């Protein structure tokens, strides 16, 4: 879909929410081969049900990206 993004470094803000656009953007950019700097404010706009299920915001997004074989860096 995009030009070759493999190895490009991107910073995505607003990524801590499980259902937010920042989260979706992080995953898509990682699929395209980007190294993703995942930024979000701890505890902001996080659904209590997601927290109860173990969602930790930025660390959870980083783990998702790494689990799919991508590279991610947490930024606070």
C-alpha atoms as a PDB file:
ATOM      1  CA  UNK A   1       0.000   0.000   0.000  1.00  0.00           C
ATOM      2  CA  UNK A   2       2.727   2.460   0.965  1.00  0.00           C
ATOM      3  CA  UNK A   3       6.087   3.173  -0.588  1.00  0.00           C
ATOM      4  CA  UNK A   4       8.824   1.023   0.868  1.00  0.00           C
ATOM      5  CA  UNK A   5       8.790   1.766   4.592  1.00  0.00           C
ATOM      6  CA  UNK A   6      11.013  -1.106   5.667  1.00  0.00           C
ATOM      7  CA  UNK A   7      13.542   0.081   8.246  1.00  0.00           C
ATOM      8  CA  UNK A   8      12.073   3.574   8.526  1.00  0.00           C
ATOM      9  CA  UNK A   9      11.760   4.957  12.053  1.00  0.00           C
ATOM     10  CA  UNK A  10       8.346   6.370  12.977  1.00  0.00           C
ATOM     11  CA  UNK A  11       6.959   7.927  16.141  1.00  0.00           C
ATOM     12  CA  UNK A  12       3.275   7.336  16.822  1.00  0.00           C
ATOM     13  CA  UNK A  13       1.672   9.324  19.626  1.00  0.00           C
ATOM     14  CA  UNK A  14      -1.541   8.443  21.404  1.00  0.00           C
ATOM     15  CA  UNK A  15      -0.852   4.724  21.276  1.00  0.00           C
ATOM     16  CA  UNK A  16      -1.756   3.551  24.789  1.00  0.00           C
ATOM     17  CA  UNK A  17      -5.453   2.899  24.192  1.00  0.00           C
ATOM     18  CA  UNK A  18      -6.317  -0.614  23.059  1.00  0.00           C
ATOM     19  CA  UNK A  19      -8.958   0.554  20.586  1.00  0.00           C
ATOM     20  CA  UNK A  20      -7.451   3.861  19.472  1.00  0.00           C
ATOM     21  CA  UNK A  21      -6.179   5.019  16.095  1.00  0.00           C
ATOM     22  CA  UNK A  22      -2.632   5.283  17.460  1.00  0.00           C
ATOM     23  CA  UNK A  23      -2.664   1.601  18.371  1.00  0.00           C
ATOM     24  CA  UNK A  24      -3.935   0.649  14.913  1.00  0.00           C
ATOM     25  CA  UNK A  25      -1.355   2.886  13.232  1.00  0.00           C
ATOM     26  CA  UNK A  26       1.459   1.268  15.234  1.00  0.00           C
ATOM     27  CA  UNK A  27       0.437  -2.222  14.172  1.00  0.00           C
ATOM     28  CA  UNK A  28       0.011  -1.278  10.510  1.00  0.00           C
ATOM     29  CA  UNK A  29       3.335   0.562  10.323  1.00  0.00           C
ATOM     30  CA  UNK A  30       5.059  -2.396  11.971  1.00  0.00           C
ATOM     31  CA  UNK A  31       3.490  -4.704   9.372  1.00  0.00           C
ATOM     32  CA  UNK A  32       4.997  -2.447   6.699  1.00  0.00           C
ATOM     33  CA  UNK A  33       8.457  -2.941   8.266  1.00  0.00           C
ATOM     34  CA  UNK A  34       8.850   0.284  10.221  1.00  0.00           C
ATOM     35  CA  UNK A  35      10.643   0.553  13.531  1.00  0.00           C
ATOM     36  CA  UNK A  36       7.898   2.034  15.688  1.00  0.00           C
ATOM     37  CA  UNK A  37       8.422   4.357  18.644  1.00  0.00           C
ATOM     38  CA  UNK A  38       5.221   3.834  20.629  1.00  0.00           C
ATOM     39  CA  UNK A  39       4.180   6.859  22.707  1.00  0.00           C
ATOM     40  CA  UNK A  40       1.301   7.259  25.091  1.00  0.00           C
ATOM     41  CA  UNK A  41       0.447   8.625  28.494  1.00  0.00           C
ATOM     42  CA  UNK A  42       0.115   5.953  31.174  1.00  0.00           C
ATOM     43  CA  UNK A  43      -3.453   5.440  32.365  1.00  0.00           C
ATOM     44  CA  UNK A  44      -5.017   7.965  30.017  1.00  0.00           C
ATOM     45  CA  UNK A  45      -8.176   6.882  28.191  1.00  0.00           C
ATOM     46  CA  UNK A  46      -7.660   3.251  29.019  1.00  0.00           C
ATOM     47  CA  UNK A  47     -10.822   1.227  29.423  1.00  0.00           C
ATOM     48  CA  UNK A  48     -11.067  -0.324  32.932  1.00  0.00           C
ATOM     49  CA  UNK A  49     -12.136  -3.622  31.341  1.00  0.00           C
ATOM     50  CA  UNK A  50      -8.945  -3.651  29.259  1.00  0.00           C
ATOM     51  CA  UNK A  51      -6.868  -3.043  32.390  1.00  0.00           C
ATOM     52  CA  UNK A  52      -8.658  -5.920  34.114  1.00  0.00           C
ATOM     53  CA  UNK A  53      -7.671  -8.145  31.171  1.00  0.00           C
ATOM     54  CA  UNK A  54      -4.023  -7.175  31.598  1.00  0.00           C
ATOM     55  CA  UNK A  55      -3.745  -4.303  29.101  1.00  0.00           C
ATOM     56  CA  UNK A  56      -0.828  -2.069  30.091  1.00  0.00           C
ATOM     57  CA  UNK A  57      -0.950   0.581  27.377  1.00  0.00           C
ATOM     58  CA  UNK A  58       2.389   1.302  25.677  1.00  0.00           C
ATOM     59  CA  UNK A  59       4.101  -1.891  26.926  1.00  0.00           C
ATOM     60  CA  UNK A  60       1.227  -3.967  25.558  1.00  0.00           C
ATOM     61  CA  UNK A  61       1.477  -2.320  22.127  1.00  0.00           C
ATOM     62  CA  UNK A  62       5.250  -2.897  22.065  1.00  0.00           C
ATOM     63  CA  UNK A  63       4.683  -6.551  22.965  1.00  0.00           C
ATOM     64  CA  UNK A  64       2.091  -6.975  20.192  1.00  0.00           C
ATOM     65  CA  UNK A  65       4.524  -5.569  17.636  1.00  0.00           C
ATOM     66  CA  UNK A  66       7.400  -7.716  18.859  1.00  0.00           C
ATOM     67  CA  UNK A  67       5.179 -10.821  18.908  1.00  0.00           C
ATOM     68  CA  UNK A  68       4.421 -10.295  15.211  1.00  0.00           C
ATOM     69  CA  UNK A  69       8.145 -10.019  14.447  1.00  0.00           C
ATOM     70  CA  UNK A  70       8.378  -6.226  14.341  1.00  0.00           C
ATOM     71  CA  UNK A  71      10.576  -3.761  16.169  1.00  0.00           C
ATOM     72  CA  UNK A  72       9.189  -1.262  18.680  1.00  0.00           C
ATOM     73  CA  UNK A  73      10.517   1.140  21.273  1.00  0.00           C
ATOM     74  CA  UNK A  74       8.416   2.451  24.192  1.00  0.00           C
ATOM     75  CA  UNK A  75       8.468   6.227  24.648  1.00  0.00           C
ATOM     76  CA  UNK A  76       6.909   7.991  27.654  1.00  0.00           C
END
